Amino acid sequence: MRQVINDWLRELRIRRLVGRITAAEDGGNEAGAKLLCRSLYREINARSPRAVARLERARGLA
């Protein structure tokens, strides 16, 4: 159950970042939008706890 909540919170963080990037671009804040894009990239590429557990099971580490 906790994994489902973590995944949901991660998706909310991604959606919030996308909204902040859009607002920064609309406001003409190029530097702020660029920093937020980096944060979004890191968040998207971060592995969810569920994915980490699946990889550990596949490798026999769990």
PDB file of N, CA and C in Angstrom:
ATOM      1  N   MET A   1       0.821  -1.194   0.000  1.00  0.00           N
ATOM      2  CA  MET A   1       0.000   0.000   0.000  1.00  0.00           C
ATOM      3  C   MET A   1       0.869   1.263   0.000  1.00  0.00           C
ATOM      4  N   ARG A   2       1.952   1.221   0.781  1.00  0.00           N
ATOM      5  CA  ARG A   2       2.830   2.386   0.856  1.00  0.00           C
ATOM      6  C   ARG A   2       3.451   2.689  -0.508  1.00  0.00           C
ATOM      7  N   GLN A   3       3.742   1.646  -1.270  1.00  0.00           N
ATOM      8  CA  GLN A   3       4.339   1.846  -2.594  1.00  0.00           C
ATOM      9  C   GLN A   3       3.377   2.571  -3.528  1.00  0.00           C
ATOM     10  N   VAL A   4       2.119   2.240  -3.418  1.00  0.00           N
ATOM     11  CA  VAL A   4       1.115   2.901  -4.253  1.00  0.00           C
ATOM     12  C   VAL A   4       1.052   4.386  -3.897  1.00  0.00           C
ATOM     13  N   ILE A   5       1.097   4.688  -2.611  1.00  0.00           N
ATOM     14  CA  ILE A   5       1.060   6.085  -2.165  1.00  0.00           C
ATOM     15  C   ILE A   5       2.314   6.825  -2.637  1.00  0.00           C
ATOM     16  N   ASN A   6       3.472   6.175  -2.534  1.00  0.00           N
ATOM     17  CA  ASN A   6       4.720   6.805  -2.986  1.00  0.00           C
ATOM     18  C   ASN A   6       4.673   7.105  -4.482  1.00  0.00           C
ATOM     19  N   ASP A   7       4.154   6.168  -5.260  1.00  0.00           N
ATOM     20  CA  ASP A   7       4.040   6.393  -6.703  1.00  0.00           C
ATOM     21  C   ASP A   7       3.085   7.541  -7.002  1.00  0.00           C
ATOM     22  N   TRP A   8       1.998   7.609  -6.247  1.00  0.00           N
ATOM     23  CA  TRP A   8       1.016   8.680  -6.432  1.00  0.00           C
ATOM     24  C   TRP A   8       1.644  10.027  -6.082  1.00  0.00           C
ATOM     25  N   LEU A   9       2.392  10.086  -4.988  1.00  0.00           N
ATOM     26  CA  LEU A   9       3.053  11.329  -4.595  1.00  0.00           C
ATOM     27  C   LEU A   9       4.095  11.750  -5.629  1.00  0.00           C
ATOM     28  N   ARG A  10       4.789  10.779  -6.186  1.00  0.00           N
ATOM     29  CA  ARG A  10       5.778  11.075  -7.225  1.00  0.00           C
ATOM     30  C   ARG A  10       5.099  11.680  -8.449  1.00  0.00           C
ATOM     31  N   GLU A  11       3.967  11.118  -8.831  1.00  0.00           N
ATOM     32  CA  GLU A  11       3.248  11.668  -9.972  1.00  0.00           C
ATOM     33  C   GLU A  11       2.769  13.087  -9.678  1.00  0.00           C
ATOM     34  N   LEU A  12       2.348  13.347  -8.452  1.00  0.00           N
ATOM     35  CA  LEU A  12       1.939  14.706  -8.085  1.00  0.00           C
ATOM     36  C   LEU A  12       3.112  15.679  -8.179  1.00  0.00           C
ATOM     37  N   ARG A  13       4.298  15.239  -7.730  1.00  0.00           N
ATOM     38  CA  ARG A  13       5.480  16.102  -7.827  1.00  0.00           C
ATOM     39  C   ARG A  13       5.786  16.430  -9.284  1.00  0.00           C
ATOM     40  N   ILE A  14       5.658  15.438 -10.157  1.00  0.00           N
ATOM     41  CA  ILE A  14       5.916  15.663 -11.575  1.00  0.00           C
ATOM     42  C   ILE A  14       4.907  16.644 -12.154  1.00  0.00           C
ATOM     43  N   ARG A  15       3.643  16.455 -11.838  1.00  0.00           N
ATOM     44  CA  ARG A  15       2.607  17.362 -12.346  1.00  0.00           C
ATOM     45  C   ARG A  15       2.823  18.785 -11.835  1.00  0.00           C
ATOM     46  N   ARG A  16       3.216  18.922 -10.565  1.00  0.00           N
ATOM     47  CA  ARG A  16       3.471  20.233  -9.986  1.00  0.00           C
ATOM     48  C   ARG A  16       4.652  20.911 -10.697  1.00  0.00           C
ATOM     49  N   LEU A  17       5.706  20.138 -10.981  1.00  0.00           N
ATOM     50  CA  LEU A  17       6.848  20.706 -11.686  1.00  0.00           C
ATOM     51  C   LEU A  17       6.471  21.175 -13.087  1.00  0.00           C
ATOM     52  N   VAL A  18       5.661  20.388 -13.777  1.00  0.00           N
ATOM     53  CA  VAL A  18       5.226  20.782 -15.120  1.00  0.00           C
ATOM     54  C   VAL A  18       4.431  22.087 -15.048  1.00  0.00           C
ATOM     55  N   GLY A  19       3.565  22.207 -14.070  1.00  0.00           N
ATOM     56  CA  GLY A  19       2.795  23.448 -13.897  1.00  0.00           C
ATOM     57  C   GLY A  19       3.689  24.639 -13.590  1.00  0.00           C
ATOM     58  N   ARG A  20       4.686  24.429 -12.746  1.00  0.00           N
ATOM     59  CA  ARG A  20       5.609  25.520 -12.402  1.00  0.00           C
ATOM     60  C   ARG A  20       6.459  25.920 -13.599  1.00  0.00           C
ATOM     61  N   ILE A  21       6.854  24.953 -14.426  1.00  0.00           N
ATOM     62  CA  ILE A  21       7.631  25.263 -15.631  1.00  0.00           C
ATOM     63  C   ILE A  21       6.786  26.110 -16.576  1.00  0.00           C
ATOM     64  N   THR A  22       5.539  25.719 -16.757  1.00  0.00           N
ATOM     65  CA  THR A  22       4.638  26.461 -17.647  1.00  0.00           C
ATOM     66  C   THR A  22       4.458  27.895 -17.147  1.00  0.00           C
ATOM     67  N   ALA A  23       4.264  28.049 -15.833  1.00  0.00           N
ATOM     68  CA  ALA A  23       4.088  29.386 -15.264  1.00  0.00           C
ATOM     69  C   ALA A  23       5.358  30.224 -15.431  1.00  0.00           C
ATOM     70  N   ALA A  24       6.515  29.612 -15.234  1.00  0.00           N
ATOM     71  CA  ALA A  24       7.774  30.340 -15.386  1.00  0.00           C
ATOM     72  C   ALA A  24       7.977  30.780 -16.833  1.00  0.00           C
ATOM     73  N   GLU A  25       7.661  29.889 -17.772  1.00  0.00           N
ATOM     74  CA  GLU A  25       7.804  30.245 -19.185  1.00  0.00           C
ATOM     75  C   GLU A  25       6.825  31.340 -19.575  1.00  0.00           C
ATOM     76  N   ASP A  26       5.591  31.240 -19.092  1.00  0.00           N
ATOM     77  CA  ASP A  26       4.587  32.263 -19.411  1.00  0.00           C
ATOM     78  C   ASP A  26       4.966  33.614 -18.821  1.00  0.00           C
ATOM     79  N   GLY A  27       5.643  33.586 -17.668  1.00  0.00           N
ATOM     80  CA  GLY A  27       6.068  34.823 -17.021  1.00  0.00           C
ATOM     81  C   GLY A  27       7.377  35.358 -17.561  1.00  0.00           C
ATOM     82  N   GLY A  28       7.987  34.659 -18.498  1.00  0.00           N
ATOM     83  CA  GLY A  28       9.226  35.126 -19.098  1.00  0.00           C
ATOM     84  C   GLY A  28      10.464  34.807 -18.279  1.00  0.00           C
ATOM     85  N   ASN A  29      10.356  33.901 -17.319  1.00  0.00           N
ATOM     86  CA  ASN A  29      11.483  33.545 -16.470  1.00  0.00           C
ATOM     87  C   ASN A  29      12.205  32.337 -17.072  1.00  0.00           C
ATOM     88  N   GLU A  30      13.089  32.609 -18.024  1.00  0.00           N
ATOM     89  CA  GLU A  30      13.789  31.529 -18.723  1.00  0.00           C
ATOM     90  C   GLU A  30      14.715  30.743 -17.806  1.00  0.00           C
ATOM     91  N   ALA A  31      15.456  31.451 -16.956  1.00  0.00           N
ATOM     92  CA  ALA A  31      16.405  30.773 -16.062  1.00  0.00           C
ATOM     93  C   ALA A  31      15.667  29.874 -15.070  1.00  0.00           C
ATOM     94  N   GLY A  32      14.568  30.372 -14.540  1.00  0.00           N
ATOM     95  CA  GLY A  32      13.775  29.573 -13.603  1.00  0.00           C
ATOM     96  C   GLY A  32      13.189  28.349 -14.265  1.00  0.00           C
ATOM     97  N   ALA A  33      12.725  28.514 -15.495  1.00  0.00           N
ATOM     98  CA  ALA A  33      12.157  27.389 -16.235  1.00  0.00           C
ATOM     99  C   ALA A  33      13.234  26.337 -16.508  1.00  0.00           C
ATOM    100  N   LYS A  34      14.439  26.788 -16.818  1.00  0.00           N
ATOM    101  CA  LYS A  34      15.529  25.850 -17.087  1.00  0.00           C
ATOM    102  C   LYS A  34      15.874  25.042 -15.836  1.00  0.00           C
ATOM    103  N   LEU A  35      15.930  25.701 -14.683  1.00  0.00           N
ATOM    104  CA  LEU A  35      16.203  24.993 -13.427  1.00  0.00           C
ATOM    105  C   LEU A  35      15.100  23.992 -13.103  1.00  0.00           C
ATOM    106  N   LEU A  36      13.868  24.393 -13.332  1.00  0.00           N
ATOM    107  CA  LEU A  36      12.752  23.493 -13.070  1.00  0.00           C
ATOM    108  C   LEU A  36      12.763  22.307 -14.031  1.00  0.00           C
ATOM    109  N   CYS A  37      13.196  22.531 -15.268  1.00  0.00           N
ATOM    110  CA  CYS A  37      13.297  21.434 -16.235  1.00  0.00           C
ATOM    111  C   CYS A  37      14.324  20.408 -15.764  1.00  0.00           C
ATOM    112  N   ARG A  38      15.415  20.877 -15.192  1.00  0.00           N
ATOM    113  CA  ARG A  38      16.412  19.944 -14.653  1.00  0.00           C
ATOM    114  C   ARG A  38      15.823  19.124 -13.513  1.00  0.00           C
ATOM    115  N   SER A  39      15.069  19.777 -12.634  1.00  0.00           N
ATOM    116  CA  SER A  39      14.426  19.055 -11.535  1.00  0.00           C
ATOM    117  C   SER A  39      13.437  18.028 -12.057  1.00  0.00           C
ATOM    118  N   LEU A  40      12.689  18.408 -13.081  1.00  0.00           N
ATOM    119  CA  LEU A  40      11.723  17.487 -13.685  1.00  0.00           C
ATOM    120  C   LEU A  40      12.437  16.288 -14.293  1.00  0.00           C
ATOM    121  N   TYR A  41      13.538  16.533 -14.985  1.00  0.00           N
ATOM    122  CA  TYR A  41      14.305  15.455 -15.594  1.00  0.00           C
ATOM    123  C   TYR A  41      14.793  14.477 -14.525  1.00  0.00           C
ATOM    124  N   ARG A  42      15.305  15.006 -13.416  1.00  0.00           N
ATOM    125  CA  ARG A  42      15.777  14.147 -12.323  1.00  0.00           C
ATOM    126  C   ARG A  42      14.632  13.344 -11.719  1.00  0.00           C
ATOM    127  N   GLU A  43      13.494  13.974 -11.548  1.00  0.00           N
ATOM    128  CA  GLU A  43      12.354  13.298 -10.943  1.00  0.00           C
ATOM    129  C   GLU A  43      11.829  12.185 -11.850  1.00  0.00           C
ATOM    130  N   ILE A  44      11.779  12.442 -13.142  1.00  0.00           N
ATOM    131  CA  ILE A  44      11.281  11.431 -14.078  1.00  0.00           C
ATOM    132  C   ILE A  44      12.230  10.240 -14.129  1.00  0.00           C
ATOM    133  N   ASN A  45      13.510  10.504 -14.081  1.00  0.00           N
ATOM    134  CA  ASN A  45      14.488   9.429 -14.182  1.00  0.00           C
ATOM    135  C   ASN A  45      14.734   8.695 -12.874  1.00  0.00           C
ATOM    136  N   ALA A  46      14.244   9.244 -11.775  1.00  0.00           N
ATOM    137  CA  ALA A  46      14.389   8.561 -10.488  1.00  0.00           C
ATOM    138  C   ALA A  46      13.520   7.308 -10.502  1.00  0.00           C
ATOM    139  N   ARG A  47      14.042   6.270  -9.943  1.00  0.00           N
ATOM    140  CA  ARG A  47      13.275   5.022  -9.933  1.00  0.00           C
ATOM    141  C   ARG A  47      12.292   5.030  -8.775  1.00  0.00           C
ATOM    142  N   SER A  48      11.098   4.599  -9.052  1.00  0.00           N
ATOM    143  CA  SER A  48      10.095   4.501  -8.006  1.00  0.00           C
ATOM    144  C   SER A  48      10.454   3.337  -7.085  1.00  0.00           C
ATOM    145  N   PRO A  49      10.007   3.383  -5.837  1.00  0.00           N
ATOM    146  CA  PRO A  49      10.280   2.273  -4.915  1.00  0.00           C
ATOM    147  C   PRO A  49       9.787   0.937  -5.452  1.00  0.00           C
ATOM    148  N   ARG A  50       8.683   0.954  -6.165  1.00  0.00           N
ATOM    149  CA  ARG A  50       8.137  -0.274  -6.731  1.00  0.00           C
ATOM    150  C   ARG A  50       9.079  -0.843  -7.796  1.00  0.00           C
ATOM    151  N   ALA A  51       9.641   0.035  -8.628  1.00  0.00           N
ATOM    152  CA  ALA A  51      10.573  -0.413  -9.660  1.00  0.00           C
ATOM    153  C   ALA A  51      11.851  -0.962  -9.044  1.00  0.00           C
ATOM    154  N   VAL A  52      12.340  -0.316  -7.989  1.00  0.00           N
ATOM    155  CA  VAL A  52      13.545  -0.803  -7.308  1.00  0.00           C
ATOM    156  C   VAL A  52      13.296  -2.191  -6.725  1.00  0.00           C
ATOM    157  N   ALA A  53      12.149  -2.396  -6.095  1.00  0.00           N
ATOM    158  CA  ALA A  53      11.827  -3.697  -5.516  1.00  0.00           C
ATOM    159  C   ALA A  53      11.727  -4.765  -6.603  1.00  0.00           C
ATOM    160  N   ARG A  54      11.154  -4.409  -7.741  1.00  0.00           N
ATOM    161  CA  ARG A  54      11.033  -5.356  -8.849  1.00  0.00           C
ATOM    162  C   ARG A  54      12.415  -5.753  -9.378  1.00  0.00           C
ATOM    163  N   LEU A  55      13.317  -4.784  -9.501  1.00  0.00           N
ATOM    164  CA  LEU A  55      14.677  -5.082  -9.957  1.00  0.00           C
ATOM    165  C   LEU A  55      15.414  -5.964  -8.954  1.00  0.00           C
ATOM    166  N   GLU A  56      15.231  -5.690  -7.670  1.00  0.00           N
ATOM    167  CA  GLU A  56      15.889  -6.503  -6.646  1.00  0.00           C
ATOM    168  C   GLU A  56      15.383  -7.939  -6.676  1.00  0.00           C
ATOM    169  N   ARG A  57      14.094  -8.111  -6.864  1.00  0.00           N
ATOM    170  CA  ARG A  57      13.543  -9.485  -6.966  1.00  0.00           C
ATOM    171  C   ARG A  57      14.111 -10.188  -8.186  1.00  0.00           C
ATOM    172  N   ALA A  58      14.218  -9.467  -9.302  1.00  0.00           N
ATOM    173  CA  ALA A  58      14.731 -10.071 -10.530  1.00  0.00           C
ATOM    174  C   ALA A  58      16.195 -10.499 -10.363  1.00  0.00           C
ATOM    175  N   ARG A  59      16.944  -9.758  -9.581  1.00  0.00           N
ATOM    176  CA  ARG A  59      18.362 -10.085  -9.365  1.00  0.00           C
ATOM    177  C   ARG A  59      18.575 -11.046  -8.202  1.00  0.00           C
ATOM    178  N   GLY A  60      17.485 -11.395  -7.523  1.00  0.00           N
ATOM    179  CA  GLY A  60      17.595 -12.328  -6.391  1.00  0.00           C
ATOM    180  C   GLY A  60      18.121 -11.672  -5.132  1.00  0.00           C
ATOM    181  N   LEU A  61      17.994 -10.348  -5.021  1.00  0.00           N
ATOM    182  CA  LEU A  61      18.507  -9.631  -3.850  1.00  0.00           C
ATOM    183  C   LEU A  61      17.438  -9.444  -2.774  1.00  0.00           C
ATOM    184  N   ALA A  62      16.185  -9.615  -3.148  1.00  0.00           N
ATOM    185  CA  ALA A  62      15.105  -9.363  -2.178  1.00  0.00           C
ATOM    186  C   ALA A  62      14.840 -10.574  -1.307  1.00  0.00           C
TER     187      ALA A  62
END
